[in-house]
Amino acid sequence: MDKTMIFSLGNDKDDEIKKGLIVVYDALREKGYNPINQIVGYILSEDPTYITTHRNARSIISKIDRDDLLETLVKSYLNK
């Protein structure tokens, strides 16, 4: 009988993405931008200039894979 165990690191990854996204959101808000519009613009275009360099936000979001970001957002929205 196969006794292989499957471990999921999904929640840890999601938590790290959420922490990074919060830093980016706060940095955008502090600089006077509409954070939601800027983050959506970044996701749709993958153009880093949508994200400020304030608080290292551009670097933080650049390290997050866009597919992982979208997956985390959808799971969070659907509470899955």
PDB file of N, CA and C in Angstrom:
ATOM      1  N   MET A   1       0.841  -1.171   0.000  1.00  0.00           N
ATOM      2  CA  MET A   1       0.000   0.000   0.000  1.00  0.00           C
ATOM      3  C   MET A   1       0.894   1.245   0.000  1.00  0.00           C
ATOM      4  N   ASP A   2       0.527   2.230  -0.779  1.00  0.00           N
ATOM      5  CA  ASP A   2       1.288   3.474  -0.883  1.00  0.00           C
ATOM      6  C   ASP A   2       1.043   4.330   0.353  1.00  0.00           C
ATOM      7  N   LYS A   3       2.112   4.660   1.052  1.00  0.00           N
ATOM      8  CA  LYS A   3       1.987   5.469   2.267  1.00  0.00           C
ATOM      9  C   LYS A   3       2.578   6.862   2.055  1.00  0.00           C
ATOM     10  N   THR A   4       2.555   7.321   0.820  1.00  0.00           N
ATOM     11  CA  THR A   4       3.081   8.644   0.502  1.00  0.00           C
ATOM     12  C   THR A   4       2.172   9.701   1.116  1.00  0.00           C
ATOM     13  N   MET A   5       2.789  10.656   1.777  1.00  0.00           N
ATOM     14  CA  MET A   5       2.022  11.751   2.359  1.00  0.00           C
ATOM     15  C   MET A   5       2.218  12.991   1.495  1.00  0.00           C
ATOM     16  N   ILE A   6       1.184  13.735   1.352  1.00  0.00           N
ATOM     17  CA  ILE A   6       1.243  14.961   0.568  1.00  0.00           C
ATOM     18  C   ILE A   6       1.205  16.137   1.535  1.00  0.00           C
ATOM     19  N   PHE A   7       2.210  17.000   1.410  1.00  0.00           N
ATOM     20  CA  PHE A   7       2.266  18.194   2.229  1.00  0.00           C
ATOM     21  C   PHE A   7       2.002  19.398   1.345  1.00  0.00           C
ATOM     22  N   SER A   8       1.210  20.294   1.838  1.00  0.00           N
ATOM     23  CA  SER A   8       0.907  21.501   1.072  1.00  0.00           C
ATOM     24  C   SER A   8       1.519  22.700   1.773  1.00  0.00           C
ATOM     25  N   LEU A   9       2.307  23.437   1.042  1.00  0.00           N
ATOM     26  CA  LEU A   9       2.857  24.684   1.560  1.00  0.00           C
ATOM     27  C   LEU A   9       2.045  25.873   1.077  1.00  0.00           C
ATOM     28  N   GLY A  10       0.888  25.595   0.515  1.00  0.00           N
ATOM     29  CA  GLY A  10       0.049  26.633  -0.064  1.00  0.00           C
ATOM     30  C   GLY A  10      -0.303  27.745   0.895  1.00  0.00           C
ATOM     31  N   ASN A  11      -0.649  27.406   2.125  1.00  0.00           N
ATOM     32  CA  ASN A  11      -1.044  28.439   3.076  1.00  0.00           C
ATOM     33  C   ASN A  11       0.117  29.345   3.439  1.00  0.00           C
ATOM     34  N   ASP A  12       1.321  28.770   3.579  1.00  0.00           N
ATOM     35  CA  ASP A  12       2.492  29.591   3.868  1.00  0.00           C
ATOM     36  C   ASP A  12       2.772  30.550   2.719  1.00  0.00           C
ATOM     37  N   LYS A  13       2.676  30.047   1.501  1.00  0.00           N
ATOM     38  CA  LYS A  13       2.897  30.889   0.321  1.00  0.00           C
ATOM     39  C   LYS A  13       1.840  31.991   0.266  1.00  0.00           C
ATOM     40  N   ASP A  14       0.604  31.615   0.510  1.00  0.00           N
ATOM     41  CA  ASP A  14      -0.473  32.603   0.494  1.00  0.00           C
ATOM     42  C   ASP A  14      -0.259  33.674   1.560  1.00  0.00           C
ATOM     43  N   ASP A  15       0.199  33.253   2.732  1.00  0.00           N
ATOM     44  CA  ASP A  15       0.463  34.215   3.811  1.00  0.00           C
ATOM     45  C   ASP A  15       1.572  35.191   3.429  1.00  0.00           C
ATOM     46  N   GLU A  16       2.620  34.686   2.790  1.00  0.00           N
ATOM     47  CA  GLU A  16       3.722  35.553   2.369  1.00  0.00           C
ATOM     48  C   GLU A  16       3.257  36.540   1.294  1.00  0.00           C
ATOM     49  N   ILE A  17       2.444  36.061   0.370  1.00  0.00           N
ATOM     50  CA  ILE A  17       1.909  36.939  -0.675  1.00  0.00           C
ATOM     51  C   ILE A  17       1.030  38.011  -0.046  1.00  0.00           C
ATOM     52  N   LYS A  18       0.188  37.606   0.901  1.00  0.00           N
ATOM     53  CA  LYS A  18      -0.695  38.570   1.569  1.00  0.00           C
ATOM     54  C   LYS A  18       0.118  39.639   2.299  1.00  0.00           C
ATOM     55  N   LYS A  19       1.164  39.225   3.016  1.00  0.00           N
ATOM     56  CA  LYS A  19       2.013  40.194   3.723  1.00  0.00           C
ATOM     57  C   LYS A  19       2.650  41.175   2.751  1.00  0.00           C
ATOM     58  N   GLY A  20       3.162  40.660   1.646  1.00  0.00           N
ATOM     59  CA  GLY A  20       3.771  41.526   0.643  1.00  0.00           C
ATOM     60  C   GLY A  20       2.771  42.488   0.038  1.00  0.00           C
ATOM     61  N   LEU A  21       1.580  41.986  -0.251  1.00  0.00           N
ATOM     62  CA  LEU A  21       0.536  42.814  -0.851  1.00  0.00           C
ATOM     63  C   LEU A  21       0.085  43.920   0.104  1.00  0.00           C
ATOM     64  N   ILE A  22       0.063  43.621   1.390  1.00  0.00           N
ATOM     65  CA  ILE A  22      -0.304  44.637   2.376  1.00  0.00           C
ATOM     66  C   ILE A  22       0.737  45.750   2.408  1.00  0.00           C
ATOM     67  N   VAL A  23       2.012  45.390   2.344  1.00  0.00           N
ATOM     68  CA  VAL A  23       3.082  46.406   2.311  1.00  0.00           C
ATOM     69  C   VAL A  23       2.931  47.278   1.074  1.00  0.00           C
ATOM     70  N   VAL A  24       2.675  46.640  -0.073  1.00  0.00           N
ATOM     71  CA  VAL A  24       2.514  47.380  -1.329  1.00  0.00           C
ATOM     72  C   VAL A  24       1.296  48.301  -1.237  1.00  0.00           C
ATOM     73  N   TYR A  25       0.185  47.784  -0.749  1.00  0.00           N
ATOM     74  CA  TYR A  25      -1.046  48.573  -0.595  1.00  0.00           C
ATOM     75  C   TYR A  25      -0.796  49.802   0.283  1.00  0.00           C
ATOM     76  N   ASP A  26      -0.175  49.574   1.438  1.00  0.00           N
ATOM     77  CA  ASP A  26       0.094  50.681   2.362  1.00  0.00           C
ATOM     78  C   ASP A  26       1.029  51.714   1.755  1.00  0.00           C
ATOM     79  N   ALA A  27       2.049  51.256   1.038  1.00  0.00           N
ATOM     80  CA  ALA A  27       2.995  52.187   0.406  1.00  0.00           C
ATOM     81  C   ALA A  27       2.297  53.046  -0.643  1.00  0.00           C
ATOM     82  N   LEU A  28       1.437  52.422  -1.434  1.00  0.00           N
ATOM     83  CA  LEU A  28       0.695  53.182  -2.451  1.00  0.00           C
ATOM     84  C   LEU A  28      -0.229  54.213  -1.795  1.00  0.00           C
ATOM     85  N   ARG A  29      -0.905  53.794  -0.739  1.00  0.00           N
ATOM     86  CA  ARG A  29      -1.805  54.708  -0.041  1.00  0.00           C
ATOM     87  C   ARG A  29      -1.039  55.880   0.566  1.00  0.00           C
ATOM     88  N   GLU A  30       0.117  55.578   1.174  1.00  0.00           N
ATOM     89  CA  GLU A  30       0.940  56.629   1.780  1.00  0.00           C
ATOM     90  C   GLU A  30       1.391  57.663   0.751  1.00  0.00           C
ATOM     91  N   LYS A  31       1.607  57.227  -0.478  1.00  0.00           N
ATOM     92  CA  LYS A  31       2.048  58.147  -1.526  1.00  0.00           C
ATOM     93  C   LYS A  31       0.881  58.844  -2.226  1.00  0.00           C
ATOM     94  N   GLY A  32      -0.346  58.552  -1.791  1.00  0.00           N
ATOM     95  CA  GLY A  32      -1.509  59.255  -2.327  1.00  0.00           C
ATOM     96  C   GLY A  32      -2.160  58.598  -3.527  1.00  0.00           C
ATOM     97  N   TYR A  33      -1.749  57.392  -3.863  1.00  0.00           N
ATOM     98  CA  TYR A  33      -2.346  56.673  -4.987  1.00  0.00           C
ATOM     99  C   TYR A  33      -3.585  55.905  -4.529  1.00  0.00           C
ATOM    100  N   ASN A  34      -4.409  55.514  -5.482  1.00  0.00           N
ATOM    101  CA  ASN A  34      -5.500  54.592  -5.212  1.00  0.00           C
ATOM    102  C   ASN A  34      -4.901  53.187  -5.314  1.00  0.00           C
ATOM    103  N   PRO A  35      -4.667  52.535  -4.182  1.00  0.00           N
ATOM    104  CA  PRO A  35      -3.947  51.253  -4.203  1.00  0.00           C
ATOM    105  C   PRO A  35      -4.623  50.170  -5.040  1.00  0.00           C
ATOM    106  N   ILE A  36      -5.923  50.095  -4.989  1.00  0.00           N
ATOM    107  CA  ILE A  36      -6.630  49.061  -5.744  1.00  0.00           C
ATOM    108  C   ILE A  36      -6.409  49.267  -7.239  1.00  0.00           C
ATOM    109  N   ASN A  37      -6.605  50.486  -7.718  1.00  0.00           N
ATOM    110  CA  ASN A  37      -6.413  50.767  -9.143  1.00  0.00           C
ATOM    111  C   ASN A  37      -4.980  50.475  -9.584  1.00  0.00           C
ATOM    112  N   GLN A  38      -4.021  50.846  -8.760  1.00  0.00           N
ATOM    113  CA  GLN A  38      -2.616  50.643  -9.117  1.00  0.00           C
ATOM    114  C   GLN A  38      -2.262  49.159  -9.144  1.00  0.00           C
ATOM    115  N   ILE A  39      -2.730  48.407  -8.166  1.00  0.00           N
ATOM    116  CA  ILE A  39      -2.426  46.972  -8.118  1.00  0.00           C
ATOM    117  C   ILE A  39      -3.101  46.245  -9.275  1.00  0.00           C
ATOM    118  N   VAL A  40      -4.346  46.600  -9.576  1.00  0.00           N
ATOM    119  CA  VAL A  40      -5.037  45.992 -10.723  1.00  0.00           C
ATOM    120  C   VAL A  40      -4.296  46.323 -12.013  1.00  0.00           C
ATOM    121  N   GLY A  41      -3.866  47.568 -12.167  1.00  0.00           N
ATOM    122  CA  GLY A  41      -3.099  47.960 -13.349  1.00  0.00           C
ATOM    123  C   GLY A  41      -1.833  47.136 -13.477  1.00  0.00           C
ATOM    124  N   TYR A  42      -1.163  46.923 -12.362  1.00  0.00           N
ATOM    125  CA  TYR A  42       0.052  46.105 -12.375  1.00  0.00           C
ATOM    126  C   TYR A  42      -0.265  44.668 -12.781  1.00  0.00           C
ATOM    127  N   ILE A  43      -1.295  44.094 -12.192  1.00  0.00           N
ATOM    128  CA  ILE A  43      -1.649  42.703 -12.493  1.00  0.00           C
ATOM    129  C   ILE A  43      -1.998  42.538 -13.968  1.00  0.00           C
ATOM    130  N   LEU A  44      -2.775  43.461 -14.509  1.00  0.00           N
ATOM    131  CA  LEU A  44      -3.201  43.346 -15.910  1.00  0.00           C
ATOM    132  C   LEU A  44      -2.057  43.556 -16.894  1.00  0.00           C
ATOM    133  N   SER A  45      -1.155  44.474 -16.579  1.00  0.00           N
ATOM    134  CA  SER A  45      -0.112  44.836 -17.538  1.00  0.00           C
ATOM    135  C   SER A  45       1.261  44.253 -17.198  1.00  0.00           C
ATOM    136  N   GLU A  46       1.459  43.906 -15.952  1.00  0.00           N
ATOM    137  CA  GLU A  46       2.759  43.505 -15.413  1.00  0.00           C
ATOM    138  C   GLU A  46       3.796  44.612 -15.583  1.00  0.00           C
ATOM    139  N   ASP A  47       3.319  45.842 -15.658  1.00  0.00           N
ATOM    140  CA  ASP A  47       4.191  47.011 -15.754  1.00  0.00           C
ATOM    141  C   ASP A  47       4.519  47.486 -14.338  1.00  0.00           C
ATOM    142  N   PRO A  48       5.765  47.366 -13.907  1.00  0.00           N
ATOM    143  CA  PRO A  48       6.122  47.701 -12.525  1.00  0.00           C
ATOM    144  C   PRO A  48       5.957  49.180 -12.175  1.00  0.00           C
ATOM    145  N   THR A  49       5.822  50.040 -13.179  1.00  0.00           N
ATOM    146  CA  THR A  49       5.685  51.466 -12.866  1.00  0.00           C
ATOM    147  C   THR A  49       4.332  51.793 -12.222  1.00  0.00           C
ATOM    148  N   TYR A  50       3.412  50.851 -12.208  1.00  0.00           N
ATOM    149  CA  TYR A  50       2.158  51.057 -11.471  1.00  0.00           C
ATOM    150  C   TYR A  50       2.395  51.061  -9.961  1.00  0.00           C
ATOM    151  N   ILE A  51       3.532  50.508  -9.537  1.00  0.00           N
ATOM    152  CA  ILE A  51       3.824  50.362  -8.121  1.00  0.00           C
ATOM    153  C   ILE A  51       4.958  51.306  -7.734  1.00  0.00           C
ATOM    154  N   THR A  52       4.745  52.039  -6.667  1.00  0.00           N
ATOM    155  CA  THR A  52       5.752  52.979  -6.180  1.00  0.00           C
ATOM    156  C   THR A  52       6.982  52.249  -5.644  1.00  0.00           C
ATOM    157  N   THR A  53       8.099  52.947  -5.628  1.00  0.00           N
ATOM    158  CA  THR A  53       9.306  52.393  -5.013  1.00  0.00           C
ATOM    159  C   THR A  53       9.328  52.658  -3.509  1.00  0.00           C
ATOM    160  N   HIS A  54       8.409  53.490  -3.035  1.00  0.00           N
ATOM    161  CA  HIS A  54       8.298  53.816  -1.609  1.00  0.00           C
ATOM    162  C   HIS A  54       8.166  52.531  -0.795  1.00  0.00           C
ATOM    163  N   ARG A  55       8.923  52.439   0.296  1.00  0.00           N
ATOM    164  CA  ARG A  55       8.926  51.261   1.184  1.00  0.00           C
ATOM    165  C   ARG A  55       9.296  49.979   0.442  1.00  0.00           C
ATOM    166  N   ASN A  56      10.019  50.120  -0.659  1.00  0.00           N
ATOM    167  CA  ASN A  56      10.499  48.982  -1.437  1.00  0.00           C
ATOM    168  C   ASN A  56       9.353  48.167  -2.054  1.00  0.00           C
ATOM    169  N   ALA A  57       8.202  48.826  -2.255  1.00  0.00           N
ATOM    170  CA  ALA A  57       7.000  48.132  -2.720  1.00  0.00           C
ATOM    171  C   ALA A  57       7.182  47.507  -4.100  1.00  0.00           C
ATOM    172  N   ARG A  58       7.844  48.211  -5.000  1.00  0.00           N
ATOM    173  CA  ARG A  58       8.021  47.680  -6.354  1.00  0.00           C
ATOM    174  C   ARG A  58       8.858  46.401  -6.339  1.00  0.00           C
ATOM    175  N   SER A  59       9.891  46.402  -5.541  1.00  0.00           N
ATOM    176  CA  SER A  59      10.730  45.214  -5.421  1.00  0.00           C
ATOM    177  C   SER A  59       9.958  44.052  -4.804  1.00  0.00           C
ATOM    178  N   ILE A  60       9.158  44.347  -3.807  1.00  0.00           N
ATOM    179  CA  ILE A  60       8.371  43.305  -3.133  1.00  0.00           C
ATOM    180  C   ILE A  60       7.393  42.660  -4.102  1.00  0.00           C
ATOM    181  N   ILE A  61       6.644  43.466  -4.842  1.00  0.00           N
ATOM    182  CA  ILE A  61       5.643  42.883  -5.737  1.00  0.00           C
ATOM    183  C   ILE A  61       6.299  42.189  -6.927  1.00  0.00           C
ATOM    184  N   SER A  62       7.482  42.642  -7.307  1.00  0.00           N
ATOM    185  CA  SER A  62       8.185  42.001  -8.423  1.00  0.00           C
ATOM    186  C   SER A  62       8.640  40.587  -8.080  1.00  0.00           C
ATOM    187  N   LYS A  63       8.816  40.307  -6.803  1.00  0.00           N
ATOM    188  CA  LYS A  63       9.248  38.979  -6.360  1.00  0.00           C
ATOM    189  C   LYS A  63       8.090  37.993  -6.263  1.00  0.00           C
ATOM    190  N   ILE A  64       6.861  38.489  -6.389  1.00  0.00           N
ATOM    191  CA  ILE A  64       5.677  37.630  -6.314  1.00  0.00           C
ATOM    192  C   ILE A  64       5.279  37.232  -7.726  1.00  0.00           C
ATOM    193  N   ASP A  65       5.220  35.936  -7.975  1.00  0.00           N
ATOM    194  CA  ASP A  65       4.774  35.449  -9.276  1.00  0.00           C
ATOM    195  C   ASP A  65       3.332  35.902  -9.507  1.00  0.00           C
ATOM    196  N   ARG A  66       3.080  36.479 -10.660  1.00  0.00           N
ATOM    197  CA  ARG A  66       1.750  37.029 -10.939  1.00  0.00           C
ATOM    198  C   ARG A  66       0.663  35.965 -10.885  1.00  0.00           C
ATOM    199  N   ASP A  67       0.937  34.763 -11.376  1.00  0.00           N
ATOM    200  CA  ASP A  67      -0.051  33.678 -11.308  1.00  0.00           C
ATOM    201  C   ASP A  67      -0.351  33.305  -9.856  1.00  0.00           C
ATOM    202  N   ASP A  68       0.695  33.258  -9.036  1.00  0.00           N
ATOM    203  CA  ASP A  68       0.496  32.963  -7.618  1.00  0.00           C
ATOM    204  C   ASP A  68      -0.315  34.065  -6.942  1.00  0.00           C
ATOM    205  N   LEU A  69      -0.037  35.294  -7.318  1.00  0.00           N
ATOM    206  CA  LEU A  69      -0.780  36.429  -6.766  1.00  0.00           C
ATOM    207  C   LEU A  69      -2.257  36.326  -7.110  1.00  0.00           C
ATOM    208  N   LEU A  70      -2.554  36.054  -8.364  1.00  0.00           N
ATOM    209  CA  LEU A  70      -3.954  35.927  -8.777  1.00  0.00           C
ATOM    210  C   LEU A  70      -4.632  34.747  -8.088  1.00  0.00           C
ATOM    211  N   GLU A  71      -3.925  33.632  -7.986  1.00  0.00           N
ATOM    212  CA  GLU A  71      -4.492  32.460  -7.313  1.00  0.00           C
ATOM    213  C   GLU A  71      -4.823  32.775  -5.852  1.00  0.00           C
ATOM    214  N   THR A  72      -3.907  33.443  -5.178  1.00  0.00           N
ATOM    215  CA  THR A  72      -4.119  33.806  -3.781  1.00  0.00           C
ATOM    216  C   THR A  72      -5.291  34.768  -3.630  1.00  0.00           C
ATOM    217  N   LEU A  73      -5.389  35.728  -4.533  1.00  0.00           N
ATOM    218  CA  LEU A  73      -6.494  36.680  -4.473  1.00  0.00           C
ATOM    219  C   LEU A  73      -7.840  36.004  -4.676  1.00  0.00           C
ATOM    220  N   VAL A  74      -7.914  35.101  -5.640  1.00  0.00           N
ATOM    221  CA  VAL A  74      -9.182  34.403  -5.918  1.00  0.00           C
ATOM    222  C   VAL A  74      -9.550  33.515  -4.726  1.00  0.00           C
ATOM    223  N   LYS A  75      -8.571  32.765  -4.198  1.00  0.00           N
ATOM    224  CA  LYS A  75      -8.852  31.919  -3.041  1.00  0.00           C
ATOM    225  C   LYS A  75      -9.325  32.746  -1.855  1.00  0.00           C
ATOM    226  N   SER A  76      -8.688  33.883  -1.643  1.00  0.00           N
ATOM    227  CA  SER A  76      -9.072  34.745  -0.538  1.00  0.00           C
ATOM    228  C   SER A  76     -10.481  35.299  -0.743  1.00  0.00           C
ATOM    229  N   TYR A  77     -10.771  35.713  -1.947  1.00  0.00           N
ATOM    230  CA  TYR A  77     -12.100  36.259  -2.252  1.00  0.00           C
ATOM    231  C   TYR A  77     -13.195  35.215  -2.040  1.00  0.00           C
ATOM    232  N   LEU A  78     -12.888  33.982  -2.422  1.00  0.00           N
ATOM    233  CA  LEU A  78     -13.864  32.899  -2.290  1.00  0.00           C
ATOM    234  C   LEU A  78     -13.770  32.191  -0.938  1.00  0.00           C
ATOM    235  N   ASN A  79     -12.860  32.666  -0.075  1.00  0.00           N
ATOM    236  CA  ASN A  79     -12.641  32.073   1.246  1.00  0.00           C
ATOM    237  C   ASN A  79     -12.317  30.588   1.156  1.00  0.00           C
ATOM    238  N   LYS A  80     -11.435  30.219   0.241  1.00  0.00           N
ATOM    239  CA  LYS A  80     -11.051  28.807   0.041  1.00  0.00           C
ATOM    240  C   LYS A  80      -9.656  28.575   0.528  1.00  0.00           C
TER     241      LYS A  80
END
